Amino acid sequence: MAKPAELEKLTGLASRFGAFVAERHPFALADSLEVFETVTAGRDPRDEAGIDALRSAFRRELTRRLQSRPLPAGLPDTTPRTSVAARMGQAHDELLDACDGFLRRAAIEASLTREER
């Protein structure tokens, strides 16, 4: 499968973010990196404000993409009284929270002075 050139040459925060998602939510890697590229517009934010500014836009866009995918009809509950839609919603929430946490931690790291590191 061909990959966009931008995603083949990840650097800085995008590279660290990609490694994080690959470790925690590997099936969401492509979507997460594409959304990251979209919300950063190819920039590499380096300060706390710049990274924090990505958080709401990232969550909104990734939520939109995840929710736009239809679920197959007729699947039984994943566990008793837990529908496929509910389980997918839980998985989406876990991914969104994990990505938001990564971005917040990166923003905190960027805010630290050399002496504080």
N, C-alpha and C. Protein backbone atom coordinates (compact mmCIF):
# COMPACT_ATOMS: atom_id res chain seq x y z
N MET A 1 0.84 -1.17 0.00
CA MET A 1 0.00 0.00 0.00
C MET A 1 0.89 1.23 0.00
N ALA A 2 0.61 2.18 -0.87
CA ALA A 2 1.39 3.41 -0.95
C ALA A 2 1.08 4.30 0.24
N LYS A 3 2.10 5.01 0.70
CA LYS A 3 1.94 5.92 1.83
C LYS A 3 2.23 7.33 1.35
N PRO A 4 1.50 8.32 1.90
CA PRO A 4 1.82 9.70 1.56
C PRO A 4 3.26 10.01 1.96
N ALA A 5 3.93 10.81 1.17
CA ALA A 5 5.33 11.13 1.42
C ALA A 5 5.53 11.71 2.81
N GLU A 6 4.57 12.53 3.27
CA GLU A 6 4.71 13.17 4.57
C GLU A 6 4.78 12.13 5.69
N LEU A 7 4.07 11.04 5.55
CA LEU A 7 4.03 10.04 6.60
C LEU A 7 5.23 9.11 6.55
N GLU A 8 5.98 9.14 5.47
CA GLU A 8 7.17 8.30 5.38
C GLU A 8 8.36 8.95 6.05
N LYS A 9 8.30 10.24 6.30
CA LYS A 9 9.44 10.98 6.83
C LYS A 9 9.07 11.68 8.13
N LEU A 10 8.54 10.95 9.07
CA LEU A 10 8.12 11.55 10.33
C LEU A 10 9.34 11.97 11.14
N THR A 11 9.25 13.15 11.72
CA THR A 11 10.32 13.65 12.57
C THR A 11 9.70 14.27 13.81
N GLY A 12 10.53 14.56 14.78
CA GLY A 12 10.11 15.30 15.95
C GLY A 12 8.91 14.69 16.66
N LEU A 13 7.97 15.55 17.00
CA LEU A 13 6.79 15.14 17.75
C LEU A 13 5.97 14.11 16.98
N ALA A 14 5.85 14.25 15.68
CA ALA A 14 5.06 13.30 14.89
C ALA A 14 5.65 11.90 14.98
N SER A 15 6.96 11.80 14.97
CA SER A 15 7.62 10.51 15.08
C SER A 15 7.36 9.87 16.44
N ARG A 16 7.51 10.64 17.49
CA ARG A 16 7.25 10.14 18.84
C ARG A 16 5.79 9.74 19.01
N PHE A 17 4.90 10.56 18.45
CA PHE A 17 3.47 10.27 18.52
C PHE A 17 3.16 8.96 17.79
N GLY A 18 3.73 8.79 16.61
CA GLY A 18 3.51 7.56 15.85
C GLY A 18 3.97 6.33 16.59
N ALA A 19 5.13 6.41 17.23
CA ALA A 19 5.63 5.28 18.02
C ALA A 19 4.70 4.97 19.18
N PHE A 20 4.19 6.02 19.83
CA PHE A 20 3.26 5.84 20.94
C PHE A 20 1.99 5.13 20.48
N VAL A 21 1.39 5.59 19.41
CA VAL A 21 0.15 4.98 18.92
C VAL A 21 0.42 3.55 18.46
N ALA A 22 1.54 3.31 17.80
CA ALA A 22 1.86 1.96 17.33
C ALA A 22 1.98 0.99 18.50
N GLU A 23 2.49 1.47 19.61
CA GLU A 23 2.63 0.62 20.80
C GLU A 23 1.28 0.34 21.46
N ARG A 24 0.46 1.36 21.59
CA ARG A 24 -0.78 1.24 22.37
C ARG A 24 -2.00 0.85 21.53
N HIS A 25 -2.11 1.37 20.32
CA HIS A 25 -3.29 1.17 19.47
C HIS A 25 -2.86 0.98 18.02
N PRO A 26 -2.15 -0.09 17.71
CA PRO A 26 -1.55 -0.24 16.38
C PRO A 26 -2.53 -0.18 15.22
N PHE A 27 -3.76 -0.62 15.41
CA PHE A 27 -4.72 -0.60 14.31
C PHE A 27 -5.20 0.80 13.98
N ALA A 28 -4.92 1.75 14.85
CA ALA A 28 -5.32 3.14 14.62
C ALA A 28 -4.15 4.00 14.15
N LEU A 29 -3.02 3.38 13.86
CA LEU A 29 -1.82 4.14 13.52
C LEU A 29 -2.01 5.03 12.29
N ALA A 30 -2.49 4.48 11.21
CA ALA A 30 -2.62 5.28 9.98
C ALA A 30 -3.56 6.46 10.18
N ASP A 31 -4.74 6.19 10.75
CA ASP A 31 -5.69 7.28 10.99
C ASP A 31 -5.10 8.34 11.92
N SER A 32 -4.46 7.90 12.98
CA SER A 32 -3.90 8.84 13.96
C SER A 32 -2.83 9.73 13.33
N LEU A 33 -1.96 9.13 12.53
CA LEU A 33 -0.91 9.93 11.89
C LEU A 33 -1.48 10.87 10.83
N GLU A 34 -2.48 10.42 10.11
CA GLU A 34 -3.11 11.30 9.11
C GLU A 34 -3.79 12.48 9.79
N VAL A 35 -4.47 12.23 10.90
CA VAL A 35 -5.11 13.31 11.63
C VAL A 35 -4.05 14.25 12.20
N PHE A 36 -2.97 13.70 12.73
CA PHE A 36 -1.89 14.53 13.26
C PHE A 36 -1.35 15.45 12.16
N GLU A 37 -1.13 14.89 10.99
CA GLU A 37 -0.64 15.68 9.86
C GLU A 37 -1.64 16.77 9.48
N THR A 38 -2.92 16.43 9.51
CA THR A 38 -3.96 17.40 9.17
C THR A 38 -3.99 18.56 10.15
N VAL A 39 -4.01 18.25 11.44
CA VAL A 39 -4.15 19.32 12.44
C VAL A 39 -2.88 20.14 12.62
N THR A 40 -1.72 19.56 12.32
CA THR A 40 -0.48 20.34 12.42
C THR A 40 -0.19 21.08 11.12
N ALA A 41 -0.87 20.73 10.06
CA ALA A 41 -0.64 21.33 8.74
C ALA A 41 0.84 21.24 8.36
N GLY A 42 1.46 20.12 8.72
CA GLY A 42 2.85 19.90 8.37
C GLY A 42 3.87 20.59 9.26
N ARG A 43 3.40 21.37 10.23
CA ARG A 43 4.33 22.04 11.15
C ARG A 43 4.74 21.08 12.26
N ASP A 44 5.83 21.37 12.93
CA ASP A 44 6.27 20.57 14.06
C ASP A 44 6.22 21.46 15.30
N PRO A 45 5.09 21.49 16.01
CA PRO A 45 4.98 22.37 17.17
C PRO A 45 6.02 21.99 18.22
N ARG A 46 6.64 23.01 18.80
CA ARG A 46 7.73 22.75 19.74
C ARG A 46 7.52 23.36 21.12
N ASP A 47 6.51 24.23 21.26
CA ASP A 47 6.31 24.85 22.57
C ASP A 47 4.99 24.37 23.18
N GLU A 48 4.83 24.64 24.47
CA GLU A 48 3.65 24.16 25.19
C GLU A 48 2.36 24.64 24.54
N ALA A 49 2.27 25.91 24.24
CA ALA A 49 1.04 26.46 23.66
C ALA A 49 0.73 25.83 22.30
N GLY A 50 1.75 25.65 21.49
CA GLY A 50 1.54 25.07 20.17
C GLY A 50 1.06 23.64 20.23
N ILE A 51 1.61 22.87 21.16
CA ILE A 51 1.20 21.47 21.30
C ILE A 51 -0.19 21.39 21.91
N ASP A 52 -0.42 22.18 22.97
CA ASP A 52 -1.74 22.18 23.60
C ASP A 52 -2.83 22.60 22.62
N ALA A 53 -2.51 23.49 21.72
CA ALA A 53 -3.50 23.98 20.75
C ALA A 53 -3.97 22.86 19.81
N LEU A 54 -3.20 21.82 19.66
CA LEU A 54 -3.57 20.70 18.79
C LEU A 54 -4.63 19.80 19.40
N ARG A 55 -4.71 19.79 20.70
CA ARG A 55 -5.49 18.76 21.40
C ARG A 55 -6.96 18.72 21.00
N SER A 56 -7.64 19.83 21.04
CA SER A 56 -9.08 19.79 20.73
C SER A 56 -9.33 19.50 19.25
N ALA A 57 -8.53 20.09 18.38
CA ALA A 57 -8.70 19.84 16.94
C ALA A 57 -8.40 18.38 16.62
N PHE A 58 -7.37 17.83 17.25
CA PHE A 58 -7.02 16.43 17.02
C PHE A 58 -8.17 15.52 17.46
N ARG A 59 -8.67 15.74 18.67
CA ARG A 59 -9.76 14.91 19.19
C ARG A 59 -10.99 15.01 18.29
N ARG A 60 -11.33 16.20 17.89
CA ARG A 60 -12.50 16.41 17.05
C ARG A 60 -12.36 15.68 15.71
N GLU A 61 -11.21 15.82 15.06
CA GLU A 61 -11.02 15.21 13.74
C GLU A 61 -10.92 13.69 13.83
N LEU A 62 -10.21 13.18 14.82
CA LEU A 62 -10.11 11.72 14.94
C LEU A 62 -11.47 11.13 15.30
N THR A 63 -12.22 11.80 16.16
CA THR A 63 -13.58 11.34 16.48
C THR A 63 -14.43 11.29 15.22
N ARG A 64 -14.36 12.33 14.41
CA ARG A 64 -15.13 12.37 13.17
C ARG A 64 -14.79 11.19 12.28
N ARG A 65 -13.51 10.92 12.13
CA ARG A 65 -13.09 9.81 11.26
C ARG A 65 -13.54 8.46 11.80
N LEU A 66 -13.36 8.27 13.09
CA LEU A 66 -13.73 6.99 13.68
C LEU A 66 -15.24 6.75 13.60
N GLN A 67 -16.01 7.78 13.86
CA GLN A 67 -17.47 7.63 13.85
C GLN A 67 -18.05 7.54 12.44
N SER A 68 -17.27 7.90 11.44
CA SER A 68 -17.78 7.85 10.07
C SER A 68 -17.76 6.44 9.49
N ARG A 69 -17.11 5.53 10.18
CA ARG A 69 -17.03 4.15 9.69
C ARG A 69 -18.26 3.36 10.13
N PRO A 70 -18.98 2.81 9.18
CA PRO A 70 -20.15 2.02 9.56
C PRO A 70 -19.73 0.68 10.18
N LEU A 71 -20.53 0.21 11.10
CA LEU A 71 -20.30 -1.11 11.70
C LEU A 71 -21.12 -2.14 10.93
N PRO A 72 -20.60 -3.34 10.78
CA PRO A 72 -21.38 -4.39 10.11
C PRO A 72 -22.67 -4.67 10.88
N ALA A 73 -23.74 -4.85 10.16
CA ALA A 73 -25.03 -5.13 10.80
C ALA A 73 -25.09 -6.58 11.26
N GLY A 74 -25.87 -6.81 12.29
CA GLY A 74 -26.17 -8.18 12.71
C GLY A 74 -25.14 -8.85 13.59
N LEU A 75 -24.14 -8.13 14.06
CA LEU A 75 -23.16 -8.76 14.94
C LEU A 75 -23.76 -8.92 16.34
N PRO A 76 -23.48 -10.04 16.99
CA PRO A 76 -24.00 -10.23 18.34
C PRO A 76 -23.22 -9.38 19.34
N ASP A 77 -23.73 -9.31 20.57
CA ASP A 77 -23.02 -8.59 21.62
C ASP A 77 -21.62 -9.15 21.77
N THR A 78 -20.67 -8.28 22.05
CA THR A 78 -19.28 -8.72 22.23
C THR A 78 -19.13 -9.51 23.52
N THR A 79 -19.83 -9.08 24.53
CA THR A 79 -20.01 -9.80 25.79
C THR A 79 -21.47 -9.58 26.16
N PRO A 80 -22.03 -10.37 27.06
CA PRO A 80 -23.45 -10.18 27.38
C PRO A 80 -23.77 -8.72 27.74
N ARG A 81 -24.78 -8.18 27.06
CA ARG A 81 -25.30 -6.83 27.26
C ARG A 81 -24.31 -5.73 26.86
N THR A 82 -23.32 -6.06 26.05
CA THR A 82 -22.41 -5.05 25.51
C THR A 82 -22.45 -5.16 23.99
N SER A 83 -23.10 -4.20 23.37
CA SER A 83 -23.24 -4.23 21.91
C SER A 83 -21.91 -3.91 21.24
N VAL A 84 -21.82 -4.27 19.99
CA VAL A 84 -20.63 -3.94 19.20
C VAL A 84 -20.43 -2.43 19.18
N ALA A 85 -21.52 -1.68 19.02
CA ALA A 85 -21.41 -0.22 18.98
C ALA A 85 -20.87 0.32 20.31
N ALA A 86 -21.33 -0.23 21.42
CA ALA A 86 -20.83 0.22 22.73
C ALA A 86 -19.35 -0.12 22.88
N ARG A 87 -18.97 -1.32 22.46
CA ARG A 87 -17.55 -1.72 22.59
C ARG A 87 -16.67 -0.87 21.69
N MET A 88 -17.13 -0.59 20.49
CA MET A 88 -16.35 0.28 19.60
C MET A 88 -16.24 1.68 20.19
N GLY A 89 -17.31 2.16 20.79
CA GLY A 89 -17.27 3.46 21.45
C GLY A 89 -16.24 3.49 22.57
N GLN A 90 -16.17 2.40 23.34
CA GLN A 90 -15.17 2.31 24.41
C GLN A 90 -13.76 2.34 23.83
N ALA A 91 -13.55 1.58 22.77
CA ALA A 91 -12.23 1.54 22.14
C ALA A 91 -11.85 2.91 21.58
N HIS A 92 -12.80 3.59 20.98
CA HIS A 92 -12.54 4.94 20.46
C HIS A 92 -12.18 5.89 21.59
N ASP A 93 -12.94 5.82 22.69
CA ASP A 93 -12.65 6.69 23.84
C ASP A 93 -11.26 6.42 24.40
N GLU A 94 -10.87 5.16 24.48
CA GLU A 94 -9.54 4.81 24.97
C GLU A 94 -8.46 5.41 24.07
N LEU A 95 -8.65 5.29 22.77
CA LEU A 95 -7.69 5.86 21.82
C LEU A 95 -7.63 7.37 21.94
N LEU A 96 -8.78 8.02 21.96
CA LEU A 96 -8.82 9.49 22.05
C LEU A 96 -8.17 9.98 23.34
N ASP A 97 -8.47 9.32 24.45
CA ASP A 97 -7.88 9.72 25.73
C ASP A 97 -6.37 9.49 25.74
N ALA A 98 -5.93 8.38 25.17
CA ALA A 98 -4.50 8.09 25.13
C ALA A 98 -3.76 9.13 24.28
N CYS A 99 -4.31 9.48 23.13
CA CYS A 99 -3.68 10.48 22.27
C CYS A 99 -3.66 11.85 22.94
N ASP A 100 -4.76 12.21 23.59
CA ASP A 100 -4.81 13.49 24.29
C ASP A 100 -3.79 13.52 25.42
N GLY A 101 -3.67 12.42 26.14
CA GLY A 101 -2.67 12.33 27.20
C GLY A 101 -1.26 12.48 26.67
N PHE A 102 -0.98 11.84 25.53
CA PHE A 102 0.34 11.98 24.92
C PHE A 102 0.62 13.44 24.60
N LEU A 103 -0.34 14.10 23.96
CA LEU A 103 -0.14 15.51 23.58
C LEU A 103 0.03 16.40 24.81
N ARG A 104 -0.74 16.15 25.86
CA ARG A 104 -0.59 16.96 27.08
C ARG A 104 0.77 16.73 27.71
N ARG A 105 1.23 15.49 27.78
CA ARG A 105 2.56 15.21 28.35
C ARG A 105 3.65 15.86 27.50
N ALA A 106 3.48 15.84 26.19
CA ALA A 106 4.46 16.49 25.31
C ALA A 106 4.47 17.99 25.54
N ALA A 107 3.30 18.58 25.77
CA ALA A 107 3.22 20.02 26.05
C ALA A 107 3.91 20.35 27.37
N ILE A 108 3.69 19.52 28.38
CA ILE A 108 4.36 19.74 29.67
C ILE A 108 5.87 19.63 29.50
N GLU A 109 6.31 18.62 28.77
CA GLU A 109 7.74 18.45 28.53
C GLU A 109 8.32 19.68 27.83
N ALA A 110 7.59 20.22 26.87
CA ALA A 110 8.06 21.39 26.13
C ALA A 110 8.12 22.62 27.03
N SER A 111 7.32 22.65 28.09
CA SER A 111 7.29 23.81 28.98
C SER A 111 8.45 23.83 29.97
N LEU A 112 9.11 22.70 30.14
CA LEU A 112 10.19 22.62 31.12
C LEU A 112 11.44 23.35 30.65
N THR A 113 12.07 24.03 31.57
CA THR A 113 13.34 24.67 31.25
C THR A 113 14.44 23.62 31.26
N ARG A 114 15.58 23.97 30.76
CA ARG A 114 16.71 23.05 30.75
C ARG A 114 17.04 22.58 32.17
N GLU A 115 16.96 23.49 33.13
CA GLU A 115 17.27 23.14 34.51
C GLU A 115 16.23 22.18 35.09
N GLU A 116 14.99 22.33 34.67
CA GLU A 116 13.92 21.47 35.18
C GLU A 116 13.97 20.06 34.60
N ARG A 117 14.59 19.93 33.46
CA ARG A 117 14.68 18.60 32.84
C ARG A 117 15.74 17.82 33.54
